[in-house]
Each structure stands twice: as structure tokens, then as C-alpha cells.
Amino acid sequence: MIRRLQEAGVDVAGSVNRFSGNEALYLRFVERFREDETYSQLCRAYQKGDHEQLLTAAHTLKGVAANLGMNALSDACAGLVRKLRAGETDVLEEVYGEVARQYKVIVDAISG
């Protein structure tokens, strides 16, 4: 799985360092990432047009992704957070789409 994550652009080495060098622990958290409800919450909030809940979910997912070295996903979520905070709701479809694309890349890498 490490190779697939690296190929997906995940900063595995930096993340393992944040886990005190414990690769097995890092991989357990990566496995749990698929079960995390934050992305589902983000999708539901987007579909409902609930910008407050969308902001909360995007901010949470940004942090989780950053901690796991999933920088492209974290950056996409940060972009969504910025647009929401700025009230730029006319571009949400595009920014949300980038979050969805990056999330799929990560989940595909985890799933193998």
C-alpha cells in the first residue's frame, strides 16, 4: 500500500515521521480513513446547499488529510474552505469537484 500511496502523491515519509516513525500505526490510520464519515458529511452538505455544514466538513477533512500526508486532498479542501468563507458560492461546483477527484485518488490508492 505504501507504494500506491506514494504514487497517488501522498507524503508517506513525512506522515510516518508525524507518527513517531511507526509505519504500522500510520497505515492503520490510513485504513480507517475510508471509514471516516467526514467526506460523506461534506457530500450531503453540498447536495443540500448547507454552506455552514459544508464549511465544517471541508475544514475537518482538510486537517485529517494533512495529518495523513494527503496534501492534494488537503489543498483542495482548503480551497473549498476559502471560497466558502469568502462567500464565493458561484464556484462551489468546480471546487467541490476537485475535492471529490482528490478523494477518489486517495481511496483508490488505499483500496488497491
N, C-alpha and C. Protein backbone atom coordinates (compact mmCIF):
# COMPACT_ATOMS: atom_id res chain seq x y z
N MET A 1 0.82 -1.20 0.00
CA MET A 1 0.00 0.00 0.00
C MET A 1 0.87 1.26 0.00
N ILE A 2 2.03 1.19 0.63
CA ILE A 2 2.89 2.37 0.70
C ILE A 2 3.20 2.89 -0.71
N ARG A 3 3.56 1.99 -1.61
CA ARG A 3 3.90 2.42 -2.97
C ARG A 3 2.70 3.07 -3.66
N ARG A 4 1.52 2.48 -3.49
CA ARG A 4 0.32 3.06 -4.12
C ARG A 4 0.04 4.46 -3.56
N LEU A 5 0.22 4.63 -2.27
CA LEU A 5 0.01 5.94 -1.66
C LEU A 5 1.00 6.96 -2.21
N GLN A 6 2.26 6.55 -2.30
CA GLN A 6 3.28 7.44 -2.84
C GLN A 6 2.96 7.80 -4.29
N GLU A 7 2.54 6.83 -5.07
CA GLU A 7 2.18 7.09 -6.47
C GLU A 7 1.00 8.04 -6.57
N ALA A 8 0.14 8.04 -5.56
CA ALA A 8 -1.01 8.94 -5.52
C ALA A 8 -0.64 10.32 -5.00
N GLY A 9 0.65 10.52 -4.69
CA GLY A 9 1.12 11.83 -4.25
C GLY A 9 1.09 12.03 -2.75
N VAL A 10 0.86 10.98 -1.99
CA VAL A 10 0.81 11.09 -0.53
C VAL A 10 2.23 11.18 0.02
N ASP A 11 2.43 12.09 0.94
CA ASP A 11 3.72 12.25 1.62
C ASP A 11 3.81 11.22 2.75
N VAL A 12 4.13 10.00 2.38
CA VAL A 12 4.17 8.91 3.35
C VAL A 12 5.30 9.12 4.35
N ALA A 13 6.48 9.46 3.89
CA ALA A 13 7.64 9.62 4.78
C ALA A 13 7.38 10.69 5.84
N GLY A 14 6.89 11.83 5.40
CA GLY A 14 6.60 12.91 6.36
C GLY A 14 5.53 12.51 7.35
N SER A 15 4.55 11.78 6.87
CA SER A 15 3.46 11.35 7.74
C SER A 15 3.93 10.32 8.75
N VAL A 16 4.73 9.37 8.30
CA VAL A 16 5.25 8.36 9.22
C VAL A 16 6.08 9.05 10.31
N ASN A 17 6.82 10.09 9.94
CA ASN A 17 7.56 10.86 10.95
C ASN A 17 6.62 11.46 11.98
N ARG A 18 5.46 11.97 11.54
CA ARG A 18 4.48 12.53 12.49
C ARG A 18 3.91 11.45 13.40
N PHE A 19 3.99 10.20 12.96
CA PHE A 19 3.55 9.06 13.77
C PHE A 19 4.73 8.44 14.50
N SER A 20 5.73 9.26 14.82
CA SER A 20 6.93 8.84 15.56
C SER A 20 7.64 7.68 14.89
N GLY A 21 7.60 7.64 13.56
CA GLY A 21 8.28 6.60 12.82
C GLY A 21 7.57 5.27 12.80
N ASN A 22 6.36 5.23 13.33
CA ASN A 22 5.62 3.98 13.42
C ASN A 22 4.77 3.80 12.16
N GLU A 23 5.34 3.11 11.18
CA GLU A 23 4.67 2.91 9.90
C GLU A 23 3.38 2.11 10.04
N ALA A 24 3.39 1.09 10.90
CA ALA A 24 2.20 0.26 11.08
C ALA A 24 1.04 1.10 11.64
N LEU A 25 1.34 1.97 12.58
CA LEU A 25 0.31 2.84 13.15
C LEU A 25 -0.24 3.79 12.08
N TYR A 26 0.67 4.37 11.30
CA TYR A 26 0.25 5.25 10.21
C TYR A 26 -0.69 4.52 9.26
N LEU A 27 -0.32 3.31 8.87
CA LEU A 27 -1.15 2.54 7.93
C LEU A 27 -2.51 2.19 8.53
N ARG A 28 -2.58 1.96 9.83
CA ARG A 28 -3.89 1.72 10.46
C ARG A 28 -4.77 2.95 10.33
N PHE A 29 -4.20 4.13 10.52
CA PHE A 29 -4.97 5.36 10.37
C PHE A 29 -5.39 5.58 8.92
N VAL A 30 -4.51 5.24 7.99
CA VAL A 30 -4.85 5.35 6.58
C VAL A 30 -6.02 4.42 6.25
N GLU A 31 -5.97 3.20 6.75
CA GLU A 31 -7.07 2.25 6.53
C GLU A 31 -8.39 2.80 7.09
N ARG A 32 -8.32 3.41 8.24
CA ARG A 32 -9.53 3.98 8.86
C ARG A 32 -10.08 5.17 8.08
N PHE A 33 -9.23 5.80 7.28
CA PHE A 33 -9.65 6.97 6.53
C PHE A 33 -10.86 6.68 5.67
N ARG A 34 -10.90 5.50 5.07
CA ARG A 34 -12.04 5.12 4.21
C ARG A 34 -13.34 5.07 5.00
N GLU A 35 -13.26 4.77 6.28
CA GLU A 35 -14.45 4.63 7.12
C GLU A 35 -14.90 5.95 7.75
N ASP A 36 -14.05 6.96 7.65
CA ASP A 36 -14.36 8.26 8.25
C ASP A 36 -15.58 8.86 7.55
N GLU A 37 -16.48 9.39 8.32
CA GLU A 37 -17.75 9.93 7.80
C GLU A 37 -17.65 11.36 7.27
N THR A 38 -16.51 11.99 7.44
CA THR A 38 -16.40 13.41 7.08
C THR A 38 -16.68 13.68 5.61
N TYR A 39 -16.15 12.84 4.74
CA TYR A 39 -16.39 13.06 3.31
C TYR A 39 -17.87 12.89 2.97
N SER A 40 -18.51 11.90 3.58
CA SER A 40 -19.95 11.71 3.36
C SER A 40 -20.74 12.91 3.85
N GLN A 41 -20.34 13.47 4.99
CA GLN A 41 -20.99 14.67 5.52
C GLN A 41 -20.80 15.84 4.56
N LEU A 42 -19.59 15.94 4.01
CA LEU A 42 -19.30 17.01 3.06
C LEU A 42 -20.20 16.89 1.84
N CYS A 43 -20.33 15.68 1.32
CA CYS A 43 -21.17 15.45 0.14
C CYS A 43 -22.63 15.77 0.41
N ARG A 44 -23.12 15.32 1.56
CA ARG A 44 -24.52 15.60 1.92
C ARG A 44 -24.75 17.11 2.05
N ALA A 45 -23.82 17.80 2.69
CA ALA A 45 -23.96 19.24 2.87
C ALA A 45 -23.95 19.96 1.52
N TYR A 46 -23.09 19.51 0.62
CA TYR A 46 -23.04 20.11 -0.72
C TYR A 46 -24.36 19.90 -1.45
N GLN A 47 -24.87 18.68 -1.41
CA GLN A 47 -26.13 18.37 -2.09
C GLN A 47 -27.30 19.19 -1.54
N LYS A 48 -27.29 19.42 -0.23
CA LYS A 48 -28.36 20.19 0.41
C LYS A 48 -28.18 21.69 0.26
N GLY A 49 -26.97 22.11 -0.14
CA GLY A 49 -26.69 23.53 -0.20
C GLY A 49 -26.47 24.14 1.18
N ASP A 50 -26.10 23.32 2.14
CA ASP A 50 -25.86 23.77 3.51
C ASP A 50 -24.41 24.22 3.63
N HIS A 51 -24.17 25.49 3.39
CA HIS A 51 -22.81 26.01 3.34
C HIS A 51 -22.12 25.98 4.69
N GLU A 52 -22.86 26.14 5.75
CA GLU A 52 -22.25 26.09 7.09
C GLU A 52 -21.71 24.69 7.38
N GLN A 53 -22.51 23.69 7.12
CA GLN A 53 -22.08 22.30 7.35
C GLN A 53 -20.99 21.91 6.35
N LEU A 54 -21.08 22.42 5.14
CA LEU A 54 -20.06 22.16 4.12
C LEU A 54 -18.72 22.73 4.58
N LEU A 55 -18.73 23.92 5.13
CA LEU A 55 -17.51 24.54 5.65
C LEU A 55 -16.91 23.70 6.77
N THR A 56 -17.75 23.27 7.69
CA THR A 56 -17.27 22.45 8.81
C THR A 56 -16.65 21.15 8.32
N ALA A 57 -17.33 20.47 7.42
CA ALA A 57 -16.82 19.18 6.91
C ALA A 57 -15.54 19.38 6.10
N ALA A 58 -15.49 20.42 5.27
CA ALA A 58 -14.30 20.68 4.47
C ALA A 58 -13.10 21.00 5.35
N HIS A 59 -13.33 21.77 6.39
CA HIS A 59 -12.25 22.13 7.32
C HIS A 59 -11.74 20.89 8.06
N THR A 60 -12.65 20.05 8.48
CA THR A 60 -12.27 18.82 9.19
C THR A 60 -11.50 17.89 8.25
N LEU A 61 -12.00 17.68 7.05
CA LEU A 61 -11.34 16.80 6.10
C LEU A 61 -9.97 17.35 5.72
N LYS A 62 -9.85 18.65 5.63
CA LYS A 62 -8.56 19.29 5.34
C LYS A 62 -7.52 18.89 6.38
N GLY A 63 -7.89 18.94 7.64
CA GLY A 63 -6.97 18.60 8.72
C GLY A 63 -6.61 17.13 8.74
N VAL A 64 -7.60 16.28 8.58
CA VAL A 64 -7.36 14.83 8.57
C VAL A 64 -6.42 14.48 7.42
N ALA A 65 -6.71 15.00 6.24
CA ALA A 65 -5.89 14.71 5.06
C ALA A 65 -4.46 15.22 5.26
N ALA A 66 -4.31 16.40 5.81
CA ALA A 66 -2.97 16.95 6.04
C ALA A 66 -2.18 16.07 7.00
N ASN A 67 -2.82 15.62 8.06
CA ASN A 67 -2.13 14.77 9.04
C ASN A 67 -1.68 13.45 8.44
N LEU A 68 -2.38 12.98 7.42
CA LEU A 68 -2.04 11.71 6.78
C LEU A 68 -1.18 11.90 5.53
N GLY A 69 -0.76 13.13 5.26
CA GLY A 69 0.12 13.40 4.13
C GLY A 69 -0.59 13.45 2.79
N MET A 70 -1.89 13.53 2.82
CA MET A 70 -2.70 13.58 1.60
C MET A 70 -2.84 15.05 1.19
N ASN A 71 -1.72 15.61 0.76
CA ASN A 71 -1.62 17.05 0.58
C ASN A 71 -2.51 17.61 -0.53
N ALA A 72 -2.66 16.88 -1.62
CA ALA A 72 -3.52 17.38 -2.70
C ALA A 72 -4.97 17.45 -2.23
N LEU A 73 -5.40 16.47 -1.47
CA LEU A 73 -6.76 16.49 -0.92
C LEU A 73 -6.90 17.61 0.09
N SER A 74 -5.92 17.75 0.96
CA SER A 74 -5.95 18.82 1.95
C SER A 74 -6.00 20.19 1.26
N ASP A 75 -5.20 20.36 0.22
CA ASP A 75 -5.19 21.63 -0.52
C ASP A 75 -6.54 21.90 -1.19
N ALA A 76 -7.14 20.85 -1.75
CA ALA A 76 -8.46 21.02 -2.38
C ALA A 76 -9.50 21.43 -1.34
N CYS A 77 -9.44 20.82 -0.19
CA CYS A 77 -10.37 21.20 0.90
C CYS A 77 -10.11 22.62 1.37
N ALA A 78 -8.85 23.00 1.44
CA ALA A 78 -8.51 24.38 1.84
C ALA A 78 -9.09 25.38 0.83
N GLY A 79 -9.04 25.03 -0.44
CA GLY A 79 -9.64 25.89 -1.46
C GLY A 79 -11.13 26.03 -1.28
N LEU A 80 -11.79 24.93 -0.93
CA LEU A 80 -13.23 24.97 -0.68
C LEU A 80 -13.54 25.83 0.53
N VAL A 81 -12.75 25.68 1.57
CA VAL A 81 -12.93 26.50 2.79
C VAL A 81 -12.78 27.98 2.45
N ARG A 82 -11.73 28.31 1.68
CA ARG A 82 -11.51 29.72 1.31
C ARG A 82 -12.69 30.29 0.54
N LYS A 83 -13.19 29.54 -0.43
CA LYS A 83 -14.31 30.03 -1.24
C LYS A 83 -15.56 30.22 -0.39
N LEU A 84 -15.81 29.29 0.50
CA LEU A 84 -16.98 29.41 1.37
C LEU A 84 -16.86 30.62 2.29
N ARG A 85 -15.70 30.79 2.89
CA ARG A 85 -15.50 31.93 3.79
C ARG A 85 -15.60 33.26 3.07
N ALA A 86 -15.20 33.27 1.81
CA ALA A 86 -15.26 34.50 1.01
C ALA A 86 -16.65 34.72 0.41
N GLY A 87 -17.54 33.75 0.59
CA GLY A 87 -18.88 33.87 0.04
C GLY A 87 -18.93 33.66 -1.46
N GLU A 88 -17.92 33.03 -2.02
CA GLU A 88 -17.85 32.80 -3.46
C GLU A 88 -18.55 31.49 -3.81
N THR A 89 -19.84 31.47 -3.61
CA THR A 89 -20.61 30.24 -3.80
C THR A 89 -20.86 29.91 -5.26
N ASP A 90 -20.59 30.85 -6.15
CA ASP A 90 -20.80 30.60 -7.58
C ASP A 90 -19.76 29.63 -8.16
N VAL A 91 -18.67 29.39 -7.45
CA VAL A 91 -17.63 28.48 -7.95
C VAL A 91 -17.57 27.18 -7.14
N LEU A 92 -18.56 26.95 -6.30
CA LEU A 92 -18.52 25.77 -5.43
C LEU A 92 -18.52 24.46 -6.21
N GLU A 93 -19.24 24.40 -7.31
CA GLU A 93 -19.30 23.16 -8.08
C GLU A 93 -17.90 22.73 -8.52
N GLU A 94 -17.15 23.68 -9.03
CA GLU A 94 -15.79 23.38 -9.51
C GLU A 94 -14.87 22.98 -8.34
N VAL A 95 -14.93 23.73 -7.27
CA VAL A 95 -14.05 23.46 -6.12
C VAL A 95 -14.44 22.15 -5.44
N TYR A 96 -15.73 21.92 -5.29
CA TYR A 96 -16.21 20.66 -4.73
C TYR A 96 -15.78 19.50 -5.63
N GLY A 97 -15.85 19.68 -6.92
CA GLY A 97 -15.43 18.65 -7.86
C GLY A 97 -13.97 18.27 -7.68
N GLU A 98 -13.13 19.25 -7.40
CA GLU A 98 -11.71 18.96 -7.16
C GLU A 98 -11.52 18.15 -5.88
N VAL A 99 -12.27 18.48 -4.85
CA VAL A 99 -12.22 17.70 -3.60
C VAL A 99 -12.62 16.25 -3.90
N ALA A 100 -13.69 16.08 -4.65
CA ALA A 100 -14.17 14.73 -4.98
C ALA A 100 -13.13 13.96 -5.78
N ARG A 101 -12.48 14.62 -6.73
CA ARG A 101 -11.45 13.95 -7.54
C ARG A 101 -10.27 13.51 -6.68
N GLN A 102 -9.83 14.40 -5.82
CA GLN A 102 -8.67 14.08 -4.96
C GLN A 102 -9.02 12.98 -3.95
N TYR A 103 -10.23 13.01 -3.45
CA TYR A 103 -10.67 11.97 -2.51
C TYR A 103 -10.66 10.61 -3.20
N LYS A 104 -11.15 10.56 -4.42
CA LYS A 104 -11.19 9.29 -5.17
C LYS A 104 -9.77 8.76 -5.40
N VAL A 105 -8.83 9.62 -5.71
CA VAL A 105 -7.44 9.20 -5.92
C VAL A 105 -6.92 8.52 -4.66
N ILE A 106 -7.21 9.10 -3.52
CA ILE A 106 -6.72 8.54 -2.25
C ILE A 106 -7.41 7.21 -1.95
N VAL A 107 -8.72 7.18 -2.06
CA VAL A 107 -9.46 5.94 -1.74
C VAL A 107 -9.05 4.82 -2.69
N ASP A 108 -8.84 5.15 -3.95
CA ASP A 108 -8.38 4.13 -4.91
C ASP A 108 -7.00 3.60 -4.52
N ALA A 109 -6.13 4.49 -4.06
CA ALA A 109 -4.79 4.05 -3.66
C ALA A 109 -4.85 3.16 -2.42
N ILE A 110 -5.74 3.48 -1.49
CA ILE A 110 -5.88 2.68 -0.28
C ILE A 110 -6.48 1.31 -0.62
N SER A 111 -7.47 1.34 -1.48
CA SER A 111 -8.19 0.10 -1.82
C SER A 111 -7.36 -0.83 -2.68
N GLY A 112 -6.46 -0.25 -3.46
CA GLY A 112 -5.60 -1.06 -4.31
C GLY A 112 -6.32 -1.55 -5.49
